[in-house]
């Protein structure tokens, strides 16, 4: 086969090889890229220069769309008239929820309808009578100076000394101690009409809201028998009255709102509204002198069970004279004191005064007393009004006046000091949840000026 060789040398480049070497350069493509890059740079430069104007125009457009939608909504037929404020309906949440109790063992409805109060017992308790000190029967002047750290004592409470505090825990058949209502000039003034109504109550469910803090929730779940035998009383001040009237809760001519008899209190004795609330909470035996049984419900809760059934389940069945819920989170007073400070429920200084005094008095660090959890949650208190429970509540009230108003700190101490009180029903948290619908606090109470 004949072959022909074609010599190619660097000295003699041909046209074909030149074309191959020039193809990767793509001069036109580089020129296009450079043009696009220049265009992007100019666009970014313009955007950087004019972005405030673009932002303003966008915001203006959104505002016009929003206003147009509002105008269209108000012009729809069937809506409220212009300039008429339409109240926003709050979500009801737990309100009026009446599910079957999980832990509270109530009698069947037909048995609840026939319940009645037990006969008066022949009390064998060591306390037979409690005398409440006032300016008319106390041996020292009413102007005694309060001790250091007890500046909340006043003419309503009387000026309890540390020595009197110590003596009040020593149990005799007759006990004498401060228990509020020390002077007629001390405050917490109630009209004669309201006093007359309260004196006729044999059993009560009570609550209070001072400073306009919470709404009033209608009790549910009661039988007709309980409605005939139990008084429902809510204590308000003028601020709460005004606040509730704005919410549409207006007192009728008989001084009722629903099932609640509203009692307006004048001249509250404390600037701290939480402390004012301890008066109806702890001193029900003083406000209702002829009542045998009572249930206290915090204003943040809706009571939702039959009162007679609750007395039977928590007191009569277990032969208890007081029932209160254990604390859901902690069991030690000293741990609770740290939590109170951490949550800003009280100042570190006042908590330290209280805890120091309790350590001095010998309150143990044990998390249980007499086999029971020490710490309580007192949003619901069920009790029989006996000299023993009346003494307990007076001692408890004096502690929250002397120290902090966080009553869960002082209840275990009082229970520990009053060792003769044994028949207390410390019921579990799930029972408390069966008793009430918890709504939470609606607004912050206004302190006294």
Protein backbone atom coordinates (compact mmCIF):
# COMPACT_ATOMS: atom_id res chain seq x y z
CA UNK A 1 0.00 0.00 0.00
CA UNK A 2 1.35 3.35 -0.95
CA UNK A 3 1.39 5.96 1.81
CA UNK A 4 2.03 9.62 1.70
CA UNK A 5 3.46 11.42 4.67
CA UNK A 6 2.71 15.06 5.24
CA UNK A 7 5.35 16.70 7.33
CA UNK A 8 4.18 19.37 9.79
CA UNK A 9 6.65 21.54 11.52
CA UNK A 10 6.45 24.53 13.89
CA UNK A 11 8.09 26.63 11.33
CA UNK A 12 5.35 26.00 8.83
CA UNK A 13 1.89 26.20 10.57
CA UNK A 14 -1.06 25.48 8.41
CA UNK A 15 -4.53 27.00 8.44
CA UNK A 16 -6.21 24.00 10.07
CA UNK A 17 -3.98 23.91 13.10
CA UNK A 18 -4.44 27.62 13.59
CA UNK A 19 -8.22 27.19 13.67
CA UNK A 20 -7.97 24.41 16.27
CA UNK A 21 -5.83 26.49 18.56
CA UNK A 22 -8.05 29.58 18.25
CA UNK A 23 -11.41 27.85 18.97
CA UNK A 24 -11.12 27.65 22.82
CA UNK A 25 -10.63 31.40 23.08
CA UNK A 26 -14.33 32.13 22.28
CA UNK A 27 -13.77 35.86 22.22
CA UNK A 28 -17.43 36.60 21.52
CA UNK A 29 -18.61 34.60 24.58
CA UNK A 30 -16.22 36.47 26.88
CA UNK A 31 -17.54 39.70 25.57
CA UNK A 32 -21.15 38.60 26.32
CA UNK A 33 -20.29 37.65 29.89
CA UNK A 34 -18.52 40.94 30.42
CA UNK A 35 -21.61 42.74 29.21
CA UNK A 36 -23.94 40.90 31.54
CA UNK A 37 -21.61 41.51 34.45
CA UNK A 38 -21.62 45.21 33.74
CA UNK A 39 -25.42 45.22 33.57
CA UNK A 40 -25.69 43.44 36.93
CA UNK A 41 -23.32 45.93 38.50
CA UNK A 42 -25.35 48.85 37.22
CA UNK A 43 -28.60 47.24 38.48
CA UNK A 44 -27.16 46.65 41.96
CA UNK A 45 -25.89 50.20 42.05
CA UNK A 46 -29.34 51.57 41.23
CA UNK A 47 -30.99 49.33 43.79
CA UNK A 48 -28.53 50.46 46.44
CA UNK A 49 -29.26 54.06 45.57
CA UNK A 50 -33.06 53.87 45.45
CA UNK A 51 -33.93 51.09 47.99
CA UNK A 52 -35.46 53.51 50.57
CA UNK A 53 -37.93 54.66 47.91
CA UNK A 54 -38.81 51.08 46.96
CA UNK A 55 -39.32 50.20 50.64
CA UNK A 56 -41.56 53.23 51.21
CA UNK A 57 -43.72 52.46 48.17
CA UNK A 58 -44.11 48.82 49.28
CA UNK A 59 -45.19 49.85 52.78
CA UNK A 60 -47.62 52.41 51.35
CA UNK A 61 -49.16 49.78 49.09
CA UNK A 62 -49.63 47.35 51.98
CA UNK A 63 -51.22 50.08 54.10
CA UNK A 64 -53.69 50.95 51.33
CA UNK A 65 -54.65 47.28 50.94
CA UNK A 66 -55.18 46.93 54.73
CA UNK A 67 -57.36 50.05 54.97
CA UNK A 68 -59.39 48.99 51.96
CA UNK A 69 -60.05 45.58 53.52
CA UNK A 70 -61.19 47.21 56.79
CA UNK A 71 -63.56 49.54 55.00
CA UNK A 72 -65.00 46.64 53.07
CA UNK A 73 -65.46 44.60 56.30
CA UNK A 74 -67.28 47.41 58.09
CA UNK A 75 -69.56 48.00 55.12
CA UNK A 76 -70.87 44.44 55.05
CA UNK A 77 -74.53 44.07 55.98
CA UNK A 78 -75.36 42.69 59.42
CA UNK A 79 -72.21 44.06 61.11
CA UNK A 80 -72.11 46.56 63.95
CA UNK A 81 -72.91 50.17 63.34
CA UNK A 82 -69.98 52.60 63.00
CA UNK A 83 -68.49 53.96 66.25
CA UNK A 84 -70.06 51.14 68.29
CA UNK A 85 -67.48 49.14 70.23
CA UNK A 86 -68.03 45.42 69.88
CA UNK A 87 -66.68 43.52 72.89
CA UNK A 88 -64.33 40.71 72.02
CA UNK A 89 -65.56 37.43 73.44
CA UNK A 90 -62.83 35.72 75.43
CA UNK A 91 -62.29 32.03 74.89
CA UNK A 92 -64.13 30.20 77.64
CA UNK A 93 -61.43 27.62 78.26
CA UNK A 94 -62.44 25.61 81.33
CA UNK A 95 -65.52 27.71 82.12
CA UNK A 96 -68.65 25.64 82.91
CA UNK A 97 -66.83 22.36 82.31
CA UNK A 98 -68.66 19.72 84.35
CA UNK A 99 -67.01 16.41 83.60
CA UNK A 100 -67.24 13.42 85.92
CA UNK A 101 -64.82 13.60 88.87
CA UNK A 102 -61.79 11.36 88.70
CA UNK A 103 -60.65 11.37 92.33
CA UNK A 104 -63.49 13.01 94.27
CA UNK A 105 -65.87 10.23 95.34
CA UNK A 106 -69.27 11.92 95.46
CA UNK A 107 -72.50 10.14 96.30
CA UNK A 108 -74.99 9.50 93.49
CA UNK A 109 -77.25 12.43 92.63
CA UNK A 110 -80.36 10.87 94.19
CA UNK A 111 -78.50 10.47 97.50
CA UNK A 112 -77.11 14.02 97.34
CA UNK A 113 -80.67 15.31 97.08
CA UNK A 114 -81.45 13.80 100.49
CA UNK A 115 -78.27 14.80 102.30
CA UNK A 116 -78.52 16.81 105.50
CA UNK A 117 -76.06 18.13 108.05
CA UNK A 118 -75.06 15.68 110.79
CA UNK A 119 -76.10 16.33 114.36
CA UNK A 120 -73.80 18.37 116.54
CA UNK A 121 -71.08 16.18 117.97
CA UNK A 122 -70.04 15.91 121.58
CA UNK A 123 -66.67 17.48 121.00
CA UNK A 124 -63.81 15.78 122.80
CA UNK A 125 -61.20 18.09 121.32
CA UNK A 126 -58.80 19.80 123.73
CA UNK A 127 -60.07 23.24 122.64
CA UNK A 128 -63.55 24.05 123.92
CA UNK A 129 -63.67 27.78 123.40
CA UNK A 130 -61.75 30.51 121.58
CA UNK A 131 -61.76 34.11 122.80
CA UNK A 132 -60.85 36.74 120.23
CA UNK A 133 -58.88 39.63 121.66
CA UNK A 134 -60.09 43.15 120.93
CA UNK A 135 -59.35 46.60 122.24
CA UNK A 136 -62.10 46.19 124.80
CA UNK A 137 -60.68 43.06 126.49
CA UNK A 138 -56.93 43.24 125.94
CA UNK A 139 -54.89 44.21 129.02
CA UNK A 140 -52.51 46.55 127.19
CA UNK A 141 -53.10 49.73 125.23
CA UNK A 142 -54.21 49.52 121.64
CA UNK A 143 -51.39 51.84 120.62
CA UNK A 144 -48.65 49.37 121.53
CA UNK A 145 -45.82 49.72 119.08
CA UNK A 146 -45.42 46.88 116.60
CA UNK A 147 -42.17 44.96 116.74
CA UNK A 148 -39.48 45.00 114.07
CA UNK A 149 -40.69 43.15 110.98
CA UNK A 150 -44.36 43.28 111.97
CA UNK A 151 -45.33 46.62 110.46
CA UNK A 152 -48.51 45.21 108.86
CA UNK A 153 -50.19 44.87 112.24
CA UNK A 154 -52.81 47.57 112.64
CA UNK A 155 -56.12 48.34 114.31
CA UNK A 156 -57.80 45.53 112.40
CA UNK A 157 -55.34 42.85 113.51
CA UNK A 158 -54.21 44.22 116.84
CA UNK A 159 -50.55 44.38 117.73
CA UNK A 160 -49.52 40.84 118.59
CA UNK A 161 -46.13 40.61 120.29
CA UNK A 162 -43.73 37.71 119.86
CA UNK A 163 -44.50 36.60 123.39
CA UNK A 164 -48.24 36.61 122.66
CA UNK A 165 -47.53 34.67 119.47
CA UNK A 166 -45.71 32.02 121.47
CA UNK A 167 -48.50 31.78 124.05
CA UNK A 168 -51.17 31.39 121.36
CA UNK A 169 -49.73 28.01 120.34
CA UNK A 170 -50.01 26.58 123.86
CA UNK A 171 -53.21 24.58 123.90
CA UNK A 172 -55.69 24.85 126.77
CA UNK A 173 -59.40 24.25 126.89
CA UNK A 174 -59.90 27.98 126.38
CA UNK A 175 -57.65 29.85 123.96
CA UNK A 176 -57.32 33.64 123.79
CA UNK A 177 -55.62 35.25 120.82
CA UNK A 178 -55.78 37.96 118.16
CA UNK A 179 -57.97 37.03 115.22
CA UNK A 180 -58.73 40.18 113.25
CA UNK A 181 -61.61 42.60 113.93
CA UNK A 182 -59.57 43.97 116.83
CA UNK A 183 -61.17 47.42 116.70
CA UNK A 184 -64.34 48.94 115.25
CA UNK A 185 -62.01 51.48 113.65
CA UNK A 186 -59.88 48.79 112.06
CA UNK A 187 -61.68 48.57 108.73
CA UNK A 188 -63.33 45.77 106.72
CA UNK A 189 -66.68 47.46 107.21
CA UNK A 190 -69.83 45.58 106.16
CA UNK A 191 -73.36 47.01 106.08
CA UNK A 192 -75.91 45.92 108.68
CA UNK A 193 -78.06 44.46 105.90
CA UNK A 194 -75.19 42.24 104.78
CA UNK A 195 -74.35 41.28 108.36
CA UNK A 196 -77.93 40.19 108.91
CA UNK A 197 -77.85 37.99 105.81
CA UNK A 198 -74.52 36.43 106.82
CA UNK A 199 -75.71 35.65 110.34
CA UNK A 200 -78.48 33.49 108.92
CA UNK A 201 -76.12 31.29 106.90
CA UNK A 202 -75.61 27.78 108.31
CA UNK A 203 -73.18 26.70 105.59
CA UNK A 204 -71.40 28.74 102.96
CA UNK A 205 -69.36 28.74 99.78
CA UNK A 206 -67.39 31.98 99.67
CA UNK A 207 -64.94 33.84 97.48
CA UNK A 208 -63.62 37.37 97.15
CA UNK A 209 -62.10 39.74 94.60
CA UNK A 210 -60.55 42.99 95.79
CA UNK A 211 -58.92 45.59 93.56
CA UNK A 212 -60.81 44.46 90.45
CA UNK A 213 -58.50 41.50 89.97
CA UNK A 214 -60.78 38.67 88.83
CA UNK A 215 -64.19 38.02 87.32
CA UNK A 216 -67.04 36.27 89.10
CA UNK A 217 -67.77 32.71 87.95
CA UNK A 218 -71.19 31.17 88.46
CA UNK A 219 -71.03 27.96 90.54
CA UNK A 220 -72.27 24.82 88.81
CA UNK A 221 -73.01 21.20 89.66
CA UNK A 222 -75.13 21.73 92.79
CA UNK A 223 -78.41 20.04 93.67
CA UNK A 224 -81.65 21.82 94.57
CA UNK A 225 -81.15 20.71 98.17
CA UNK A 226 -77.80 22.47 98.38
CA UNK A 227 -79.26 25.63 96.86
CA UNK A 228 -81.75 25.73 99.71
CA UNK A 229 -79.22 25.07 102.49
CA UNK A 230 -75.98 26.73 101.36
CA UNK A 231 -75.20 30.46 101.02
CA UNK A 232 -72.98 31.58 98.15
CA UNK A 233 -71.25 34.82 99.16
CA UNK A 234 -68.73 36.91 97.16
CA UNK A 235 -66.89 39.76 98.88
CA UNK A 236 -66.07 42.78 96.69
CA UNK A 237 -64.73 46.27 97.20
CA UNK A 238 -65.78 49.36 95.26
CA UNK A 239 -63.01 48.90 92.68
CA UNK A 240 -64.19 45.37 91.88
CA UNK A 241 -67.81 46.55 91.77
CA UNK A 242 -66.93 49.17 89.16
CA UNK A 243 -64.79 46.72 87.17
CA UNK A 244 -67.47 44.03 87.13
CA UNK A 245 -70.21 46.44 86.12
CA UNK A 246 -68.12 47.30 83.06
CA UNK A 247 -67.97 43.56 82.33
CA UNK A 248 -71.78 43.41 82.45
CA UNK A 249 -72.05 41.83 85.93
CA UNK A 250 -74.69 44.02 87.57
CA UNK A 251 -76.08 43.39 91.06
CA UNK A 252 -79.87 43.03 91.13
CA UNK A 253 -82.21 44.62 93.67
CA UNK A 254 -81.78 41.66 96.03
CA UNK A 255 -77.98 42.12 95.90
CA UNK A 256 -77.39 38.95 93.90
CA UNK A 257 -75.55 38.11 90.70
CA UNK A 258 -76.77 34.69 89.71
CA UNK A 259 -76.40 32.50 92.80
CA UNK A 260 -73.82 34.76 94.45
CA UNK A 261 -74.86 37.19 97.20
CA UNK A 262 -72.54 40.16 96.73
CA UNK A 263 -71.19 41.78 99.91
CA UNK A 264 -69.45 45.13 99.38
CA UNK A 265 -66.64 45.75 101.87
CA UNK A 266 -65.56 49.27 102.78
CA UNK A 267 -62.29 50.45 104.37
CA UNK A 268 -60.04 47.52 103.56
CA UNK A 269 -57.33 47.42 106.26
CA UNK A 270 -54.26 46.53 104.13
CA UNK A 271 -52.62 48.10 101.12
CA UNK A 272 -51.71 44.60 99.91
CA UNK A 273 -54.87 43.24 98.28
CA UNK A 274 -53.60 39.69 98.67
CA UNK A 275 -53.54 40.23 102.41
CA UNK A 276 -57.06 41.71 102.37
CA UNK A 277 -58.19 38.53 100.65
CA UNK A 278 -56.95 36.44 103.59
CA UNK A 279 -59.71 37.88 105.79
CA UNK A 280 -62.67 36.07 104.14
CA UNK A 281 -60.39 33.16 103.26
CA UNK A 282 -59.21 32.41 106.79
CA UNK A 283 -61.71 34.15 109.06
CA UNK A 284 -65.00 32.78 107.75
CA UNK A 285 -65.93 31.80 111.33
CA UNK A 286 -65.78 35.47 112.30
CA UNK A 287 -67.76 36.69 109.31
CA UNK A 288 -70.39 33.92 109.55
CA UNK A 289 -70.76 33.39 113.32
CA UNK A 290 -73.59 30.85 113.02
CA UNK A 291 -72.22 28.75 110.16
CA UNK A 292 -71.19 25.14 110.83
CA UNK A 293 -69.48 24.36 107.52
CA UNK A 294 -67.75 26.40 104.84
CA UNK A 295 -65.96 26.05 101.53
CA UNK A 296 -63.50 28.68 100.38
CA UNK A 297 -62.81 29.06 96.64
CA UNK A 298 -60.14 31.38 95.23
CA UNK A 299 -61.40 34.00 92.78
CA UNK A 300 -59.39 32.44 89.94
CA UNK A 301 -61.52 29.27 90.13
CA UNK A 302 -65.09 28.21 89.33
CA UNK A 303 -66.64 25.92 91.94
CA UNK A 304 -68.34 23.03 90.15
CA UNK A 305 -69.59 20.46 92.67
CA UNK A 306 -72.46 20.01 95.08
CA UNK A 307 -71.42 21.58 98.42
CA UNK A 308 -73.25 19.08 100.62
CA UNK A 309 -71.69 16.27 98.62
CA UNK A 310 -68.24 17.82 99.11
CA UNK A 311 -68.79 18.08 102.89
CA UNK A 312 -69.82 14.42 102.95
CA UNK A 313 -66.91 13.24 100.79
CA UNK A 314 -64.07 15.25 102.35
CA UNK A 315 -65.21 15.74 105.96
CA UNK A 316 -68.01 13.50 107.20
CA UNK A 317 -66.89 10.29 105.53
CA UNK A 318 -63.31 10.55 106.84
CA UNK A 319 -64.35 12.13 110.17
CA UNK A 320 -62.21 15.17 109.39
CA UNK A 321 -62.79 18.74 110.46
CA UNK A 322 -60.65 20.37 107.76
CA UNK A 323 -59.72 19.41 104.19
CA UNK A 324 -57.09 21.12 102.08
CA UNK A 325 -55.06 20.18 99.00
CA UNK A 326 -51.43 19.15 99.14
CA UNK A 327 -48.98 21.17 97.05
CA UNK A 328 -48.53 19.90 93.52
CA UNK A 329 -44.83 20.64 93.07
CA UNK A 330 -42.94 20.69 96.38
CA UNK A 331 -43.18 19.28 99.90
CA UNK A 332 -40.61 21.28 101.90
CA UNK A 333 -41.31 24.71 103.38
CA UNK A 334 -37.69 25.68 102.88
CA UNK A 335 -37.76 24.64 99.22
CA UNK A 336 -40.98 26.59 98.76
CA UNK A 337 -39.36 29.68 100.30
CA UNK A 338 -36.67 29.55 97.61
CA UNK A 339 -39.33 29.17 94.91
CA UNK A 340 -41.30 32.14 96.27
CA UNK A 341 -38.22 34.35 96.00
CA UNK A 342 -37.26 33.01 92.58
CA UNK A 343 -40.74 33.72 91.20
CA UNK A 344 -40.79 37.21 92.77
CA UNK A 345 -43.83 36.34 94.88
CA UNK A 346 -42.22 38.06 97.87
CA UNK A 347 -39.01 39.93 98.54
CA UNK A 348 -35.92 37.97 99.65
CA UNK A 349 -35.75 40.11 102.79
CA UNK A 350 -39.24 39.31 104.09
CA UNK A 351 -38.93 35.62 103.22
CA UNK A 352 -35.60 35.50 105.05
CA UNK A 353 -37.21 37.00 108.17
CA UNK A 354 -39.92 34.33 108.13
CA UNK A 355 -37.64 31.38 107.45
CA UNK A 356 -35.12 32.56 110.05
CA UNK A 357 -37.90 32.70 112.64
CA UNK A 358 -39.10 29.21 111.69
CA UNK A 359 -35.60 27.80 112.02
CA UNK A 360 -35.33 29.51 115.41
CA UNK A 361 -38.65 27.94 116.44
CA UNK A 362 -37.34 24.51 115.44
CA UNK A 363 -39.37 23.77 112.31
CA UNK A 364 -37.73 20.61 110.96
CA UNK A 365 -36.40 20.21 107.45
CA UNK A 366 -38.43 17.02 107.06
CA UNK A 367 -40.70 17.05 104.03
CA UNK A 368 -43.51 15.29 105.90
CA UNK A 369 -45.27 15.85 109.21
CA UNK A 370 -47.23 13.01 110.80
CA UNK A 371 -46.89 11.04 107.58
CA UNK A 372 -48.51 13.78 105.49
CA UNK A 373 -47.01 16.09 102.92
CA UNK A 374 -46.20 19.33 104.70
CA UNK A 375 -46.85 21.85 101.98
CA UNK A 376 -50.37 22.78 100.94
CA UNK A 377 -52.17 24.55 98.09
CA UNK A 378 -55.02 26.54 99.64
CA UNK A 379 -57.14 27.61 96.68
CA UNK A 380 -59.93 25.41 98.09
CA UNK A 381 -60.49 24.98 101.84
CA UNK A 382 -63.30 22.80 103.22
CA UNK A 383 -63.89 22.88 106.96
CA UNK A 384 -66.18 22.47 109.87
CA UNK A 385 -66.34 25.48 112.17
CA UNK A 386 -65.18 24.05 115.48
CA UNK A 387 -63.10 25.69 118.22
CA UNK A 388 -60.13 23.67 116.94
CA UNK A 389 -60.33 24.77 113.31
CA UNK A 390 -61.21 28.32 114.37
CA UNK A 391 -58.00 28.41 116.42
CA UNK A 392 -55.99 27.01 113.52
CA UNK A 393 -57.30 29.65 111.12
CA UNK A 394 -56.62 32.48 113.59
CA UNK A 395 -53.04 31.30 114.10
CA UNK A 396 -52.58 31.01 110.34
CA UNK A 397 -53.97 34.49 109.73
CA UNK A 398 -51.62 36.02 112.32
CA UNK A 399 -48.65 34.39 110.60
CA UNK A 400 -49.47 35.85 107.16
CA UNK A 401 -49.87 39.28 108.78
CA UNK A 402 -46.59 39.03 110.67
CA UNK A 403 -44.58 37.63 107.75
CA UNK A 404 -45.38 37.17 104.05
CA UNK A 405 -48.86 36.77 102.61
CA UNK A 406 -47.75 33.56 100.85
CA UNK A 407 -49.91 31.36 103.06
CA UNK A 408 -48.35 28.08 101.86
CA UNK A 409 -45.22 28.99 103.84
CA UNK A 410 -47.02 29.40 107.17
CA UNK A 411 -49.63 26.62 107.09
CA UNK A 412 -47.14 23.74 107.70
CA UNK A 413 -45.60 25.70 110.57
CA UNK A 414 -48.97 26.26 112.26
CA UNK A 415 -49.92 22.62 111.74
CA UNK A 416 -46.61 21.54 113.25
CA UNK A 417 -46.97 23.80 116.29
CA UNK A 418 -50.61 22.85 116.87
CA UNK A 419 -49.82 19.19 117.32
CA UNK A 420 -53.19 18.30 118.83
CA UNK A 421 -54.94 18.83 115.49
CA UNK A 422 -54.86 15.42 113.83
CA UNK A 423 -58.04 14.92 111.80
CA UNK A 424 -57.12 16.90 108.69
CA UNK A 425 -57.80 15.56 105.21
CA UNK A 426 -54.84 16.51 103.01
CA UNK A 427 -56.41 15.52 99.70
CA UNK A 428 -54.44 15.04 96.45
CA UNK A 429 -54.14 17.55 93.62
CA UNK A 430 -56.47 15.57 91.36
CA UNK A 431 -59.27 16.00 93.93
CA UNK A 432 -58.73 19.76 93.92
CA UNK A 433 -59.01 19.75 90.14
CA UNK A 434 -62.29 17.85 90.47
CA UNK A 435 -63.63 20.57 92.77
CA UNK A 436 -63.00 23.59 90.55
CA UNK A 437 -62.40 24.76 87.03
CA UNK A 438 -59.18 26.75 87.19
CA UNK A 439 -59.44 29.95 85.14
CA UNK A 440 -56.27 31.75 86.21
CA UNK A 441 -56.04 35.39 87.26
CA UNK A 442 -57.64 37.74 84.72
CA UNK A 443 -55.95 40.98 85.67
CA UNK A 444 -53.69 42.36 88.36
CA UNK A 445 -55.49 43.68 91.42
CA UNK A 446 -55.09 47.39 92.10
CA UNK A 447 -53.42 48.10 95.47
CA UNK A 448 -54.98 50.60 97.83
CA UNK A 449 -53.76 54.16 97.33
